[in-house]
Amino acid sequence: MKRTMIQLAVMATLLLTMNGAVTAQNNNPKYEFGVNLGFLVYQGDLTPKRLGSFETQNFALGLHASRLLSPSFSVRGNFVWGKLKGDDGVYDSPDYRKLRNFNFTSPVIELTAQLVWNPLRRNYIDKGFSPYLFAGGGFALLRIKRDYSNINTTYFNPETSEVWAGLAADSAHALPRILPVIPVGAGVKYYFSQRWGVNAETSYRLSYTDYVDGFSQAANPKQNDHYLNYSIGVVYRTGKKDLQKCPVLKY
């Protein structure tokens, strides 16, 4: 019995030693960094289009850093800097938009944390395509400037139009400076090597306010405002996969 226990202990020690050697040889990358260039697109009361106001989209810069947890999952910190804009005056239909002529602008600084899922388990591939989905949470810093000074007072008569009562309510409402957001999106990467690749992604920001554009009661108080981001970029992974090109042993 004692001899058998010694033999088992020796075998266990050998297996652990071999497994440690294999793990060392398969030095999968642990971190990924990226820079993205793209656009922010406002979606809210000042556009009649369901997909958002691409007519007033603005340039955006994104930075991200990821910790690769497994072939399927990673966690990512994401930074976006850009600008949101909406303008009734850029739309010819319906006619009242050019006459109402509301507009707004706001710089955006966004910080979020995201869980990234690679359904094909390709986080560690050397080359090729790697699709992914992500969702998370965070906040955006805004500085909203709304403008209704060009409203047509003949069409929107201050004595009879309900728009003016709405403007009074909106003017009394504090505008958000810190906006909680929930980003959800999808993308694809293409790795040229173990370290370098490119990516393209699109994401939608869910928010829980109707004042991203500064207007609610004077426009459409039944729906909240949102925005989206689409971009392309460059990614860099640290470390190499299988530094000694040794086969993986499985037990």
C-alpha atoms as a PDB file:
ATOM      1  CA  MET A   1       0.000   0.000   0.000  1.00  0.00           C
ATOM      2  CA  LYS A   2       2.765   2.383   0.963  1.00  0.00           C
ATOM      3  CA  ARG A   3       4.622   1.577  -2.250  1.00  0.00           C
ATOM      4  CA  THR A   4       1.485   2.215  -4.305  1.00  0.00           C
ATOM      5  CA  MET A   5       1.001   5.618  -2.662  1.00  0.00           C
ATOM      6  CA  ILE A   6       4.582   6.579  -3.439  1.00  0.00           C
ATOM      7  CA  GLN A   7       4.132   5.541  -7.077  1.00  0.00           C
ATOM      8  CA  LEU A   8       0.938   7.627  -7.352  1.00  0.00           C
ATOM      9  CA  ALA A   9       2.671  10.631  -5.801  1.00  0.00           C
ATOM     10  CA  VAL A  10       5.569  10.323  -8.252  1.00  0.00           C
ATOM     11  CA  MET A  11       3.177  10.056 -11.219  1.00  0.00           C
ATOM     12  CA  ALA A  12       1.200  13.079 -10.016  1.00  0.00           C
ATOM     13  CA  THR A  13       4.395  15.090  -9.649  1.00  0.00           C
ATOM     14  CA  LEU A  14       5.492  14.146 -13.171  1.00  0.00           C
ATOM     15  CA  LEU A  15       2.101  15.084 -14.636  1.00  0.00           C
ATOM     16  CA  LEU A  16       2.115  18.453 -12.876  1.00  0.00           C
ATOM     17  CA  THR A  17       5.660  19.118 -14.057  1.00  0.00           C
ATOM     18  CA  MET A  18       4.810  18.214 -17.666  1.00  0.00           C
ATOM     19  CA  ASN A  19       1.621  20.282 -17.552  1.00  0.00           C
ATOM     20  CA  GLY A  20       3.571  23.276 -16.237  1.00  0.00           C
ATOM     21  CA  ALA A  21       6.071  22.919 -19.056  1.00  0.00           C
ATOM     22  CA  VAL A  22       3.280  22.746 -21.641  1.00  0.00           C
ATOM     23  CA  THR A  23       1.616  25.828 -20.148  1.00  0.00           C
ATOM     24  CA  ALA A  24       4.886  27.725 -20.291  1.00  0.00           C
ATOM     25  CA  GLN A  25       5.409  26.721 -23.908  1.00  0.00           C
ATOM     26  CA  ASN A  26       1.884  27.868 -24.849  1.00  0.00           C
ATOM     27  CA  ASN A  27       2.278  31.476 -23.833  1.00  0.00           C
ATOM     28  CA  ASN A  28      -1.060  32.808 -25.078  1.00  0.00           C
ATOM     29  CA  PRO A  29      -1.406  36.585 -25.311  1.00  0.00           C
ATOM     30  CA  LYS A  30      -2.973  38.113 -22.225  1.00  0.00           C
ATOM     31  CA  TYR A  31      -3.664  41.681 -23.285  1.00  0.00           C
ATOM     32  CA  GLU A  32      -4.905  43.515 -26.347  1.00  0.00           C
ATOM     33  CA  PHE A  33      -4.811  47.238 -27.091  1.00  0.00           C
ATOM     34  CA  GLY A  34      -6.470  49.182 -29.864  1.00  0.00           C
ATOM     35  CA  VAL A  35      -7.130  52.550 -31.490  1.00  0.00           C
ATOM     36  CA  ASN A  36     -10.318  53.169 -33.468  1.00  0.00           C
ATOM     37  CA  LEU A  37     -11.526  56.004 -35.699  1.00  0.00           C
ATOM     38  CA  GLY A  38     -15.179  56.386 -36.571  1.00  0.00           C
ATOM     39  CA  PHE A  39     -18.341  58.405 -36.054  1.00  0.00           C
ATOM     40  CA  LEU A  40     -21.000  59.111 -33.434  1.00  0.00           C
ATOM     41  CA  VAL A  41     -24.596  59.186 -34.694  1.00  0.00           C
ATOM     42  CA  TYR A  42     -27.368  60.819 -32.675  1.00  0.00           C
ATOM     43  CA  GLN A  43     -30.790  59.176 -32.483  1.00  0.00           C
ATOM     44  CA  GLY A  44     -33.651  61.107 -30.917  1.00  0.00           C
ATOM     45  CA  ASP A  45     -36.362  63.727 -31.284  1.00  0.00           C
ATOM     46  CA  LEU A  46     -34.564  65.870 -33.865  1.00  0.00           C
ATOM     47  CA  THR A  47     -34.436  63.254 -36.607  1.00  0.00           C
ATOM     48  CA  PRO A  48     -37.299  61.444 -38.354  1.00  0.00           C
ATOM     49  CA  LYS A  49     -35.066  58.475 -39.201  1.00  0.00           C
ATOM     50  CA  ARG A  50     -35.252  55.355 -37.042  1.00  0.00           C
ATOM     51  CA  LEU A  51     -31.559  54.520 -37.524  1.00  0.00           C
ATOM     52  CA  GLY A  52     -30.379  57.948 -36.430  1.00  0.00           C
ATOM     53  CA  SER A  53     -29.177  61.228 -37.879  1.00  0.00           C
ATOM     54  CA  PHE A  54     -26.373  60.223 -40.250  1.00  0.00           C
ATOM     55  CA  GLU A  55     -26.711  63.706 -41.784  1.00  0.00           C
ATOM     56  CA  THR A  56     -25.223  65.192 -38.616  1.00  0.00           C
ATOM     57  CA  GLN A  57     -22.771  62.441 -37.630  1.00  0.00           C
ATOM     58  CA  ASN A  58     -19.461  63.551 -36.148  1.00  0.00           C
ATOM     59  CA  PHE A  59     -15.940  62.163 -35.954  1.00  0.00           C
ATOM     60  CA  ALA A  60     -15.025  60.023 -32.913  1.00  0.00           C
ATOM     61  CA  LEU A  61     -11.800  58.578 -31.520  1.00  0.00           C
ATOM     62  CA  GLY A  62     -11.763  55.370 -29.497  1.00  0.00           C
ATOM     63  CA  LEU A  63      -9.150  53.651 -27.318  1.00  0.00           C
ATOM     64  CA  HIS A  64      -9.533  50.244 -25.708  1.00  0.00           C
ATOM     65  CA  ALA A  65      -7.589  47.757 -23.598  1.00  0.00           C
ATOM     66  CA  SER A  66      -8.629  44.128 -23.089  1.00  0.00           C
ATOM     67  CA  ARG A  67      -7.660  41.287 -20.800  1.00  0.00           C
ATOM     68  CA  LEU A  68      -7.990  37.994 -22.677  1.00  0.00           C
ATOM     69  CA  LEU A  69      -9.469  35.462 -20.263  1.00  0.00           C
ATOM     70  CA  SER A  70      -9.968  32.454 -22.540  1.00  0.00           C
ATOM     71  CA  PRO A  71     -10.421  31.577 -26.228  1.00  0.00           C
ATOM     72  CA  SER A  72     -14.022  32.823 -25.927  1.00  0.00           C
ATOM     73  CA  PHE A  73     -14.090  35.668 -23.394  1.00  0.00           C
ATOM     74  CA  SER A  74     -12.310  38.894 -22.567  1.00  0.00           C
ATOM     75  CA  VAL A  75     -13.025  42.032 -20.570  1.00  0.00           C
ATOM     76  CA  ARG A  76     -12.452  45.424 -22.120  1.00  0.00           C
ATOM     77  CA  GLY A  77     -12.137  48.995 -20.960  1.00  0.00           C
ATOM     78  CA  ASN A  78     -13.307  51.418 -23.631  1.00  0.00           C
ATOM     79  CA  PHE A  79     -12.825  55.172 -24.100  1.00  0.00           C
ATOM     80  CA  VAL A  80     -14.620  57.246 -26.753  1.00  0.00           C
ATOM     81  CA  TRP A  81     -14.203  60.936 -27.483  1.00  0.00           C
ATOM     82  CA  GLY A  82     -16.458  62.653 -29.988  1.00  0.00           C
ATOM     83  CA  LYS A  83     -19.438  64.918 -30.574  1.00  0.00           C
ATOM     84  CA  LEU A  84     -23.196  64.530 -30.946  1.00  0.00           C
ATOM     85  CA  LYS A  85     -25.325  66.804 -33.090  1.00  0.00           C
ATOM     86  CA  GLY A  86     -28.959  66.967 -34.128  1.00  0.00           C
ATOM     87  CA  ASP A  87     -30.688  69.506 -36.359  1.00  0.00           C
ATOM     88  CA  ASP A  88     -34.299  69.746 -37.523  1.00  0.00           C
ATOM     89  CA  GLY A  89     -33.200  72.061 -40.339  1.00  0.00           C
ATOM     90  CA  VAL A  90     -31.420  69.357 -42.358  1.00  0.00           C
ATOM     91  CA  TYR A  91     -34.699  67.551 -43.116  1.00  0.00           C
ATOM     92  CA  ASP A  92     -37.201  68.636 -45.768  1.00  0.00           C
ATOM     93  CA  SER A  93     -39.878  66.196 -44.626  1.00  0.00           C
ATOM     94  CA  PRO A  94     -42.066  66.487 -42.671  1.00  0.00           C
ATOM     95  CA  ASP A  95     -42.438  70.199 -43.383  1.00  0.00           C
ATOM     96  CA  TYR A  96     -42.735  71.297 -39.757  1.00  0.00           C
ATOM     97  CA  ARG A  97     -39.120  70.330 -38.993  1.00  0.00           C
ATOM     98  CA  LYS A  98     -37.546  73.192 -40.930  1.00  0.00           C
ATOM     99  CA  LEU A  99     -40.081  75.538 -39.344  1.00  0.00           C
ATOM    100  CA  ARG A 100     -39.465  74.259 -35.827  1.00  0.00           C
ATOM    101  CA  ASN A 101     -35.706  74.284 -36.470  1.00  0.00           C
ATOM    102  CA  PHE A 102     -34.523  72.915 -33.124  1.00  0.00           C
ATOM    103  CA  ASN A 103     -30.872  71.905 -32.926  1.00  0.00           C
ATOM    104  CA  PHE A 104     -28.281  70.855 -30.361  1.00  0.00           C
ATOM    105  CA  THR A 105     -24.619  69.925 -30.008  1.00  0.00           C
ATOM    106  CA  SER A 106     -22.689  68.201 -27.240  1.00  0.00           C
ATOM    107  CA  PRO A 107     -19.138  66.923 -26.836  1.00  0.00           C
ATOM    108  CA  VAL A 108     -18.982  63.351 -25.555  1.00  0.00           C
ATOM    109  CA  ILE A 109     -16.390  61.672 -23.351  1.00  0.00           C
ATOM    110  CA  GLU A 110     -17.407  58.090 -22.691  1.00  0.00           C
ATOM    111  CA  LEU A 111     -15.911  55.466 -20.377  1.00  0.00           C
ATOM    112  CA  THR A 112     -17.322  51.927 -20.282  1.00  0.00           C
ATOM    113  CA  ALA A 113     -16.401  48.413 -19.191  1.00  0.00           C
ATOM    114  CA  GLN A 114     -17.480  45.573 -21.474  1.00  0.00           C
ATOM    115  CA  LEU A 115     -17.619  41.798 -21.589  1.00  0.00           C
ATOM    116  CA  VAL A 116     -16.570  40.547 -25.032  1.00  0.00           C
ATOM    117  CA  TRP A 117     -17.663  37.138 -26.324  1.00  0.00           C
ATOM    118  CA  ASN A 118     -15.966  35.396 -29.234  1.00  0.00           C
ATOM    119  CA  PRO A 119     -18.488  32.703 -30.293  1.00  0.00           C
ATOM    120  CA  LEU A 120     -15.937  30.886 -32.485  1.00  0.00           C
ATOM    121  CA  ARG A 121     -13.316  30.728 -29.694  1.00  0.00           C
ATOM    122  CA  ARG A 122     -10.683  32.560 -31.766  1.00  0.00           C
ATOM    123  CA  ASN A 123      -9.107  34.944 -29.245  1.00  0.00           C
ATOM    124  CA  TYR A 124      -5.720  33.248 -29.590  1.00  0.00           C
ATOM    125  CA  ILE A 125      -5.541  32.571 -33.326  1.00  0.00           C
ATOM    126  CA  ASP A 126      -2.341  33.520 -35.159  1.00  0.00           C
ATOM    127  CA  LYS A 127      -4.046  34.782 -38.326  1.00  0.00           C
ATOM    128  CA  GLY A 128      -7.525  35.126 -39.743  1.00  0.00           C
ATOM    129  CA  PHE A 129     -10.954  36.452 -38.862  1.00  0.00           C
ATOM    130  CA  SER A 130     -12.317  36.628 -35.329  1.00  0.00           C
ATOM    131  CA  PRO A 131     -15.942  37.868 -34.852  1.00  0.00           C
ATOM    132  CA  TYR A 132     -17.160  39.084 -31.468  1.00  0.00           C
ATOM    133  CA  LEU A 133     -20.145  40.441 -29.552  1.00  0.00           C
ATOM    134  CA  PHE A 134     -20.031  42.727 -26.531  1.00  0.00           C
ATOM    135  CA  ALA A 135     -22.133  44.465 -23.907  1.00  0.00           C
ATOM    136  CA  GLY A 136     -21.344  46.459 -20.810  1.00  0.00           C
ATOM    137  CA  GLY A 137     -21.993  49.616 -18.861  1.00  0.00           C
ATOM    138  CA  GLY A 138     -20.499  52.974 -18.037  1.00  0.00           C
ATOM    139  CA  PHE A 139     -21.158  56.662 -18.390  1.00  0.00           C
ATOM    140  CA  ALA A 140     -20.791  59.549 -20.815  1.00  0.00           C
ATOM    141  CA  LEU A 141     -19.856  63.125 -19.932  1.00  0.00           C
ATOM    142  CA  LEU A 142     -21.951  65.657 -21.873  1.00  0.00           C
ATOM    143  CA  ARG A 143     -22.188  69.424 -22.243  1.00  0.00           C
ATOM    144  CA  ILE A 144     -25.463  69.921 -24.106  1.00  0.00           C
ATOM    145  CA  LYS A 145     -26.174  73.172 -25.948  1.00  0.00           C
ATOM    146  CA  ARG A 146     -29.749  73.337 -27.242  1.00  0.00           C
ATOM    147  CA  ASP A 147     -31.011  76.081 -29.546  1.00  0.00           C
ATOM    148  CA  TYR A 148     -34.587  76.970 -30.493  1.00  0.00           C
ATOM    149  CA  SER A 149     -33.928  80.599 -31.435  1.00  0.00           C
ATOM    150  CA  ASN A 150     -34.758  80.011 -35.115  1.00  0.00           C
ATOM    151  CA  ILE A 151     -38.262  78.637 -34.571  1.00  0.00           C
ATOM    152  CA  ASN A 152     -40.861  80.051 -36.985  1.00  0.00           C
ATOM    153  CA  THR A 153     -43.256  81.964 -34.722  1.00  0.00           C
ATOM    154  CA  THR A 154     -45.809  82.353 -37.494  1.00  0.00           C
ATOM    155  CA  TYR A 155     -46.223  78.598 -37.838  1.00  0.00           C
ATOM    156  CA  PHE A 156     -45.682  77.924 -34.118  1.00  0.00           C
ATOM    157  CA  ASN A 157     -47.707  80.753 -32.644  1.00  0.00           C
ATOM    158  CA  PRO A 158     -46.647  81.431 -29.041  1.00  0.00           C
ATOM    159  CA  GLU A 159     -50.299  81.998 -28.058  1.00  0.00           C
ATOM    160  CA  THR A 160     -51.750  78.826 -29.576  1.00  0.00           C
ATOM    161  CA  SER A 161     -48.993  76.258 -30.138  1.00  0.00           C
ATOM    162  CA  GLU A 162     -48.341  73.622 -27.471  1.00  0.00           C
ATOM    163  CA  VAL A 163     -44.647  73.670 -28.436  1.00  0.00           C
ATOM    164  CA  TRP A 164     -44.081  76.760 -26.283  1.00  0.00           C
ATOM    165  CA  ALA A 165     -45.492  75.118 -23.179  1.00  0.00           C
ATOM    166  CA  GLY A 166     -43.165  72.209 -23.894  1.00  0.00           C
ATOM    167  CA  LEU A 167     -40.208  74.585 -24.262  1.00  0.00           C
ATOM    168  CA  ALA A 168     -41.024  76.146 -20.905  1.00  0.00           C
ATOM    169  CA  ALA A 169     -41.001  72.700 -19.278  1.00  0.00           C
ATOM    170  CA  ASP A 170     -37.766  71.716 -21.038  1.00  0.00           C
ATOM    171  CA  SER A 171     -36.055  74.961 -20.037  1.00  0.00           C
ATOM    172  CA  ALA A 172     -36.905  74.256 -16.394  1.00  0.00           C
ATOM    173  CA  HIS A 173     -35.494  70.723 -16.631  1.00  0.00           C
ATOM    174  CA  ALA A 174     -31.823  70.217 -15.751  1.00  0.00           C
ATOM    175  CA  LEU A 175     -29.805  68.749 -18.610  1.00  0.00           C
ATOM    176  CA  PRO A 176     -27.716  65.638 -17.905  1.00  0.00           C
ATOM    177  CA  ARG A 177     -23.976  66.139 -17.472  1.00  0.00           C
ATOM    178  CA  ILE A 178     -23.215  62.519 -16.554  1.00  0.00           C
ATOM    179  CA  LEU A 179     -25.237  60.024 -18.572  1.00  0.00           C
ATOM    180  CA  PRO A 180     -25.327  56.293 -17.695  1.00  0.00           C
ATOM    181  CA  VAL A 181     -25.059  54.233 -20.890  1.00  0.00           C
ATOM    182  CA  ILE A 182     -25.278  50.561 -21.844  1.00  0.00           C
ATOM    183  CA  PRO A 183     -23.224  49.782 -24.969  1.00  0.00           C
ATOM    184  CA  VAL A 184     -24.172  46.693 -26.994  1.00  0.00           C
ATOM    185  CA  GLY A 185     -22.545  45.794 -30.272  1.00  0.00           C
ATOM    186  CA  ALA A 186     -20.697  43.492 -32.616  1.00  0.00           C
ATOM    187  CA  GLY A 187     -17.470  43.505 -34.549  1.00  0.00           C
ATOM    188  CA  VAL A 188     -14.894  41.486 -36.397  1.00  0.00           C
ATOM    189  CA  LYS A 189     -11.089  41.391 -36.220  1.00  0.00           C
ATOM    190  CA  TYR A 190      -8.599  40.195 -38.768  1.00  0.00           C
ATOM    191  CA  TYR A 191      -5.168  39.232 -37.451  1.00  0.00           C
ATOM    192  CA  PHE A 192      -2.206  39.534 -39.804  1.00  0.00           C
ATOM    193  CA  SER A 193       0.139  38.002 -37.245  1.00  0.00           C
ATOM    194  CA  GLN A 194       0.302  36.907 -33.630  1.00  0.00           C
ATOM    195  CA  ARG A 195       0.519  40.539 -32.581  1.00  0.00           C
ATOM    196  CA  TRP A 196      -1.119  42.820 -35.155  1.00  0.00           C
ATOM    197  CA  GLY A 197      -4.580  43.036 -36.631  1.00  0.00           C
ATOM    198  CA  VAL A 198      -7.415  45.344 -37.664  1.00  0.00           C
ATOM    199  CA  ASN A 199     -11.009  45.530 -36.514  1.00  0.00           C
ATOM    200  CA  ALA A 200     -14.359  47.000 -37.477  1.00  0.00           C
ATOM    201  CA  GLU A 201     -17.287  47.312 -35.106  1.00  0.00           C
ATOM    202  CA  THR A 202     -20.622  48.997 -34.513  1.00  0.00           C
ATOM    203  CA  SER A 203     -22.333  49.611 -31.204  1.00  0.00           C
ATOM    204  CA  TYR A 204     -25.546  51.109 -29.877  1.00  0.00           C
ATOM    205  CA  ARG A 205     -25.798  53.125 -26.672  1.00  0.00           C
ATOM    206  CA  LEU A 206     -28.927  52.579 -24.624  1.00  0.00           C
ATOM    207  CA  SER A 207     -29.700  55.504 -22.333  1.00  0.00           C
ATOM    208  CA  TYR A 208     -32.537  56.316 -20.001  1.00  0.00           C
ATOM    209  CA  THR A 209     -33.179  59.978 -20.664  1.00  0.00           C
ATOM    210  CA  ASP A 210     -35.021  61.994 -23.294  1.00  0.00           C
ATOM    211  CA  TYR A 211     -32.701  64.965 -22.835  1.00  0.00           C
ATOM    212  CA  VAL A 212     -29.568  63.978 -24.757  1.00  0.00           C
ATOM    213  CA  ASP A 213     -30.670  66.583 -27.333  1.00  0.00           C
ATOM    214  CA  GLY A 214     -31.996  69.032 -24.701  1.00  0.00           C
ATOM    215  CA  PHE A 215     -35.621  68.633 -25.805  1.00  0.00           C
ATOM    216  CA  SER A 216     -38.414  66.366 -24.606  1.00  0.00           C
ATOM    217  CA  GLN A 217     -41.823  67.944 -23.884  1.00  0.00           C
ATOM    218  CA  ALA A 218     -41.476  70.280 -26.867  1.00  0.00           C
ATOM    219  CA  ALA A 219     -40.642  67.402 -29.217  1.00  0.00           C
ATOM    220  CA  ASN A 220     -41.412  63.739 -28.470  1.00  0.00           C
ATOM    221  CA  PRO A 221     -41.611  62.937 -24.739  1.00  0.00           C
ATOM    222  CA  LYS A 222     -42.662  59.319 -25.378  1.00  0.00           C
ATOM    223  CA  GLN A 223     -39.240  58.070 -26.486  1.00  0.00           C
ATOM    224  CA  ASN A 224     -35.754  58.303 -24.978  1.00  0.00           C
ATOM    225  CA  ASP A 225     -32.704  59.488 -26.887  1.00  0.00           C
ATOM    226  CA  HIS A 226     -29.790  57.226 -27.840  1.00  0.00           C
ATOM    227  CA  TYR A 227     -26.687  57.261 -29.990  1.00  0.00           C
ATOM    228  CA  LEU A 228     -24.511  54.816 -31.881  1.00  0.00           C
ATOM    229  CA  ASN A 229     -20.889  54.477 -32.853  1.00  0.00           C
ATOM    230  CA  TYR A 230     -19.230  52.719 -35.777  1.00  0.00           C
ATOM    231  CA  SER A 231     -15.497  52.548 -36.364  1.00  0.00           C
ATOM    232  CA  ILE A 232     -12.458  50.793 -37.773  1.00  0.00           C
ATOM    233  CA  GLY A 233      -9.090  50.446 -36.090  1.00  0.00           C
ATOM    234  CA  VAL A 234      -5.814  48.700 -35.339  1.00  0.00           C
ATOM    235  CA  VAL A 235      -5.290  46.126 -32.566  1.00  0.00           C
ATOM    236  CA  TYR A 236      -2.110  44.879 -30.903  1.00  0.00           C
ATOM    237  CA  ARG A 237      -1.749  41.770 -28.705  1.00  0.00           C
ATOM    238  CA  THR A 238       1.036  41.229 -26.203  1.00  0.00           C
ATOM    239  CA  GLY A 239       2.868  37.921 -26.028  1.00  0.00           C
ATOM    240  CA  LYS A 240       3.030  35.068 -28.510  1.00  0.00           C
ATOM    241  CA  LYS A 241       1.184  31.844 -28.935  1.00  0.00           C
ATOM    242  CA  ASP A 242       3.395  28.756 -28.512  1.00  0.00           C
ATOM    243  CA  LEU A 243       6.785  30.477 -28.328  1.00  0.00           C
ATOM    244  CA  GLN A 244       8.734  27.242 -28.922  1.00  0.00           C
ATOM    245  CA  LYS A 245       6.290  25.855 -31.528  1.00  0.00           C
ATOM    246  CA  CYS A 246       5.769  22.764 -29.377  1.00  0.00           C
ATOM    247  CA  PRO A 247       2.619  20.630 -29.653  1.00  0.00           C
ATOM    248  CA  VAL A 248       0.019  20.889 -26.931  1.00  0.00           C
ATOM    249  CA  LEU A 249      -0.236  17.780 -24.728  1.00  0.00           C
ATOM    250  CA  LYS A 250      -3.609  16.906 -23.227  1.00  0.00           C
ATOM    251  CA  TYR A 251      -4.269  14.657 -20.300  1.00  0.00           C
END
